[in-house]
C-alpha atoms as a PDB file:
ATOM      1  CA  MET A   1       0.000   0.000   0.000  1.00  0.00           C
ATOM      2  CA  ASP A   2       1.209   3.485  -0.805  1.00  0.00           C
ATOM      3  CA  TYR A   3       0.873   6.464   1.486  1.00  0.00           C
ATOM      4  CA  LEU A   4       0.814  10.222   1.187  1.00  0.00           C
ATOM      5  CA  HIS A   5       3.224  12.301   3.294  1.00  0.00           C
ATOM      6  CA  TYR A   6       2.991  15.969   4.190  1.00  0.00           C
ATOM      7  CA  LYS A   7       4.460  17.920   7.134  1.00  0.00           C
ATOM      8  CA  ASP A   8       4.989  14.915   9.444  1.00  0.00           C
ATOM      9  CA  TYR A   9       1.541  13.482   8.630  1.00  0.00           C
ATOM     10  CA  THR A  10       0.914  10.251   6.739  1.00  0.00           C
ATOM     11  CA  GLY A  11      -2.295   9.447   4.914  1.00  0.00           C
ATOM     12  CA  SER A  12      -3.821   6.326   3.414  1.00  0.00           C
ATOM     13  CA  ILE A  13      -4.762   5.842  -0.233  1.00  0.00           C
ATOM     14  CA  GLU A  14      -7.832   3.719  -0.956  1.00  0.00           C
ATOM     15  CA  TYR A  15     -10.336   3.414  -3.770  1.00  0.00           C
ATOM     16  CA  SER A  16     -14.054   3.617  -3.008  1.00  0.00           C
ATOM     17  CA  LYS A  17     -16.055   1.596  -5.553  1.00  0.00           C
ATOM     18  CA  GLU A  18     -19.232   3.015  -4.055  1.00  0.00           C
ATOM     19  CA  ASP A  19     -18.159   6.630  -4.598  1.00  0.00           C
ATOM     20  CA  GLY A  20     -16.031   6.006  -7.702  1.00  0.00           C
ATOM     21  CA  CYS A  21     -13.061   7.962  -6.352  1.00  0.00           C
ATOM     22  CA  PHE A  22      -9.943   7.744  -4.238  1.00  0.00           C
ATOM     23  CA  VAL A  23     -10.357   8.359  -0.504  1.00  0.00           C
ATOM     24  CA  GLY A  24      -8.088   8.431   2.502  1.00  0.00           C
ATOM     25  CA  LYS A  25      -7.544   9.531   6.055  1.00  0.00           C
ATOM     26  CA  VAL A  26      -4.601  10.794   8.061  1.00  0.00           C
ATOM     27  CA  LEU A  27      -3.161   7.893  10.050  1.00  0.00           C
ATOM     28  CA  GLY A  28      -2.337   7.892  13.749  1.00  0.00           C
ATOM     29  CA  MET A  29      -4.753  10.636  14.743  1.00  0.00           C
ATOM     30  CA  THR A  30      -6.496   9.314  17.846  1.00  0.00           C
ATOM     31  CA  HIS A  31      -8.528  12.429  18.724  1.00  0.00           C
ATOM     32  CA  ASP A  32      -9.002  14.162  15.383  1.00  0.00           C
ATOM     33  CA  LEU A  33     -10.156  12.957  11.969  1.00  0.00           C
ATOM     34  CA  ILE A  34      -8.832  14.312   8.682  1.00  0.00           C
ATOM     35  CA  LEU A  35     -10.460  12.787   5.575  1.00  0.00           C
ATOM     36  CA  TYR A  36      -9.813  13.581   1.920  1.00  0.00           C
ATOM     37  CA  GLU A  37     -10.852  12.433  -1.554  1.00  0.00           C
ATOM     38  CA  GLY A  38     -10.110  12.929  -5.232  1.00  0.00           C
ATOM     39  CA  ASN A  39     -10.923  11.550  -8.664  1.00  0.00           C
ATOM     40  CA  THR A  40      -7.210  11.239  -9.443  1.00  0.00           C
ATOM     41  CA  ILE A  41      -4.138  10.686  -7.304  1.00  0.00           C
ATOM     42  CA  ASP A  42      -3.142  14.317  -7.896  1.00  0.00           C
ATOM     43  CA  GLU A  43      -6.564  15.490  -6.674  1.00  0.00           C
ATOM     44  CA  LEU A  44      -6.308  13.138  -3.691  1.00  0.00           C
ATOM     45  CA  ARG A  45      -2.857  14.509  -2.800  1.00  0.00           C
ATOM     46  CA  ALA A  46      -4.072  18.110  -3.137  1.00  0.00           C
ATOM     47  CA  ASP A  47      -7.101  17.433  -0.909  1.00  0.00           C
ATOM     48  CA  PHE A  48      -4.858  15.605   1.601  1.00  0.00           C
ATOM     49  CA  GLU A  49      -2.534  18.608   1.856  1.00  0.00           C
ATOM     50  CA  ALA A  50      -5.479  21.037   1.962  1.00  0.00           C
ATOM     51  CA  GLY A  51      -7.047  18.947   4.742  1.00  0.00           C
ATOM     52  CA  ILE A  52      -3.912  19.186   6.841  1.00  0.00           C
ATOM     53  CA  GLU A  53      -3.601  22.925   6.196  1.00  0.00           C
ATOM     54  CA  GLY A  54      -7.292  23.314   7.110  1.00  0.00           C
ATOM     55  CA  TYR A  55      -6.624  21.372  10.300  1.00  0.00           C
ATOM     56  CA  PHE A  56      -3.770  23.763  11.164  1.00  0.00           C
ATOM     57  CA  GLU A  57      -6.006  26.773  10.480  1.00  0.00           C
ATOM     58  CA  GLY A  58      -8.836  25.334  12.602  1.00  0.00           C
ATOM     59  CA  CYS A  59      -6.458  24.669  15.485  1.00  0.00           C
ATOM     60  CA  GLU A  60      -5.098  28.204  15.233  1.00  0.00           C
ATOM     61  CA  GLU A  61      -8.631  29.673  15.258  1.00  0.00           C
ATOM     62  CA  MET A  62      -9.439  27.653  18.402  1.00  0.00           C
ATOM     63  CA  GLY A  63      -6.138  28.609  20.026  1.00  0.00           C
ATOM     64  CA  ILE A  64      -4.889  25.044  20.366  1.00  0.00           C
ATOM     65  CA  ALA A  65      -1.770  23.327  19.101  1.00  0.00           C
ATOM     66  CA  PRO A  66      -2.250  20.813  16.270  1.00  0.00           C
ATOM     67  CA  ARG A  67      -1.838  17.256  17.475  1.00  0.00           C
ATOM     68  CA  LYS A  68       0.814  15.068  15.938  1.00  0.00           C
ATOM     69  CA  PRO A  69       0.005  11.493  14.925  1.00  0.00           C
ATOM     70  CA  ALA A  70       0.148   9.075  17.859  1.00  0.00           C
ATOM     71  CA  ALA A  71       3.537   7.579  18.566  1.00  0.00           C
ATOM     72  CA  CYS A  72       2.539   5.148  21.279  1.00  0.00           C
ATOM     73  CA  LEU A  73       2.675   1.379  20.943  1.00  0.00           C
ATOM     74  CA  ASN A  74       1.538  -1.035  23.644  1.00  0.00           C
ATOM     75  CA  VAL A  75       2.869  -4.563  23.285  1.00  0.00           C
ATOM     76  CA  ASN A  76       2.153  -7.578  25.466  1.00  0.00           C
ATOM     77  CA  ILE A  77       5.142  -9.899  25.742  1.00  0.00           C
ATOM     78  CA  PRO A  78       5.889 -12.973  27.846  1.00  0.00           C
ATOM     79  CA  PRO A  79       7.565 -12.285  31.210  1.00  0.00           C
ATOM     80  CA  GLU A  80      10.717 -14.135  30.081  1.00  0.00           C
ATOM     81  CA  ALA A  81      11.105 -11.828  27.073  1.00  0.00           C
ATOM     82  CA  HIS A  82      10.554  -8.768  29.273  1.00  0.00           C
ATOM     83  CA  GLU A  83      13.208 -10.012  31.689  1.00  0.00           C
ATOM     84  CA  GLN A  84      15.710 -10.471  28.856  1.00  0.00           C
ATOM     85  CA  ILE A  85      14.923  -7.025  27.415  1.00  0.00           C
ATOM     86  CA  VAL A  86      15.455  -5.401  30.825  1.00  0.00           C
ATOM     87  CA  PHE A  87      18.784  -7.221  31.186  1.00  0.00           C
ATOM     88  CA  LEU A  88      19.988  -6.339  27.675  1.00  0.00           C
ATOM     89  CA  ALA A  89      18.879  -2.703  27.961  1.00  0.00           C
ATOM     90  CA  ASN A  90      20.773  -2.404  31.254  1.00  0.00           C
ATOM     91  CA  GLN A  91      23.843  -3.992  29.634  1.00  0.00           C
ATOM     92  CA  LYS A  92      23.699  -1.391  26.826  1.00  0.00           C
ATOM     93  CA  GLY A  93      23.034   1.409  29.309  1.00  0.00           C
ATOM     94  CA  VAL A  94      19.792   2.481  27.629  1.00  0.00           C
ATOM     95  CA  SER A  95      16.140   2.599  28.637  1.00  0.00           C
ATOM     96  CA  ILE A  96      13.820  -0.278  27.805  1.00  0.00           C
ATOM     97  CA  ASP A  97      11.924   2.018  25.414  1.00  0.00           C
ATOM     98  CA  HIS A  98      15.148   2.969  23.609  1.00  0.00           C
ATOM     99  CA  PHE A  99      16.241  -0.671  23.383  1.00  0.00           C
ATOM    100  CA  ILE A 100      12.876  -1.756  21.935  1.00  0.00           C
ATOM    101  CA  GLU A 101      12.823   1.209  19.536  1.00  0.00           C
ATOM    102  CA  ASP A 102      16.253   0.221  18.181  1.00  0.00           C
ATOM    103  CA  ALA A 103      15.181  -3.411  17.795  1.00  0.00           C
ATOM    104  CA  LEU A 104      11.977  -2.452  15.962  1.00  0.00           C
ATOM    105  CA  LEU A 105      13.845  -0.090  13.643  1.00  0.00           C
ATOM    106  CA  GLN A 106      16.285  -2.892  12.765  1.00  0.00           C
ATOM    107  CA  VAL A 107      13.412  -5.272  11.961  1.00  0.00           C
ATOM    108  CA  ALA A 108      11.623  -2.559   9.974  1.00  0.00           C
ATOM    109  CA  ALA A 109      14.771  -1.874   7.936  1.00  0.00           C
ATOM    110  CA  THR A 110      15.160  -5.600   7.236  1.00  0.00           C
ATOM    111  CA  ALA A 111      11.514  -5.830   6.197  1.00  0.00           C
ATOM    112  CA  LYS A 112      11.844  -2.768   3.976  1.00  0.00           C
ATOM    113  CA  ASP A 113      14.915  -4.293   2.290  1.00  0.00           C
ATOM    114  CA  ALA A 114      13.057  -7.578   1.778  1.00  0.00           C
ATOM    115  CA  ILE A 115      10.086  -5.798   0.207  1.00  0.00           C
ATOM    116  CA  GLY A 116      12.418  -3.748  -1.983  1.00  0.00           C
ATOM    117  CA  THR A 117      11.125  -1.938  -4.984  1.00  0.00           C
ATOM    118  CA  SER A 118       8.848  -4.759  -6.103  1.00  0.00           C
ATOM    119  CA  GLY A 119       6.261  -3.789  -3.509  1.00  0.00           C
ATOM    120  CA  LYS A 120       5.707  -7.487  -2.756  1.00  0.00           C
ATOM    121  CA  ARG A 121       6.152  -8.808   0.745  1.00  0.00           C
ATOM    122  CA  SER A 122       8.377 -11.726   1.517  1.00  0.00           C
ATOM    123  CA  LYS A 123       8.494 -13.601   4.792  1.00  0.00           C
ATOM    124  CA  ILE A 124      11.224 -12.554   7.173  1.00  0.00           C
ATOM    125  CA  ALA A 125      12.026 -14.813  10.089  1.00  0.00           C
ATOM    126  CA  CYS A 126      13.263 -13.015  13.174  1.00  0.00           C
ATOM    127  CA  LYS A 127      14.691 -15.273  15.826  1.00  0.00           C
ATOM    128  CA  LEU A 128      13.694 -14.312  19.337  1.00  0.00           C
ATOM    129  CA  PRO A 129      15.927 -14.978  22.341  1.00  0.00           C
ATOM    130  CA  ALA A 130      16.421 -18.699  22.971  1.00  0.00           C
ATOM    131  CA  LYS A 131      14.411 -18.660  26.207  1.00  0.00           C
ATOM    132  CA  THR A 132      11.159 -17.910  24.384  1.00  0.00           C
ATOM    133  CA  ASN A 133      11.455 -20.862  21.973  1.00  0.00           C
ATOM    134  CA  ARG A 134       9.347 -18.965  19.444  1.00  0.00           C
ATOM    135  CA  LYS A 135       9.901 -17.568  16.009  1.00  0.00           C
ATOM    136  CA  HIS A 136       8.126 -14.439  14.846  1.00  0.00           C
ATOM    137  CA  VAL A 137       7.402 -14.129  11.137  1.00  0.00           C
ATOM    138  CA  VAL A 138       6.701 -10.761   9.590  1.00  0.00           C
ATOM    139  CA  ALA A 139       4.584 -11.363   6.499  1.00  0.00           C
END
């Protein structure tokens, strides 16, 4: 799937058979909703950017700061994995959040390389620490 990007905001691109046009919404906005549409990708992009600019203007009129897309991720993991992450983060001298962020960015980079320019996904096996005896597959 392709996305639109503008001023730190990312938007989806979908086609509505019912409406006969492209539609989308800004992703990661938990409290606000920014929708856009267009008959062509260029129209969709223009409406996406206009929607974000309109959002900025509306926030300014109300005297509030525009919200940024959510950057919070809650993950449930087995206690053994948590224990290992705490240990490894302490060994590296970083916070648990920083350690997990680095690990996720490494997996994301690997996945991005595997997808490449073809746009097709391939399966990437990521071995978890031996204690968990599990394998996570990103597909």
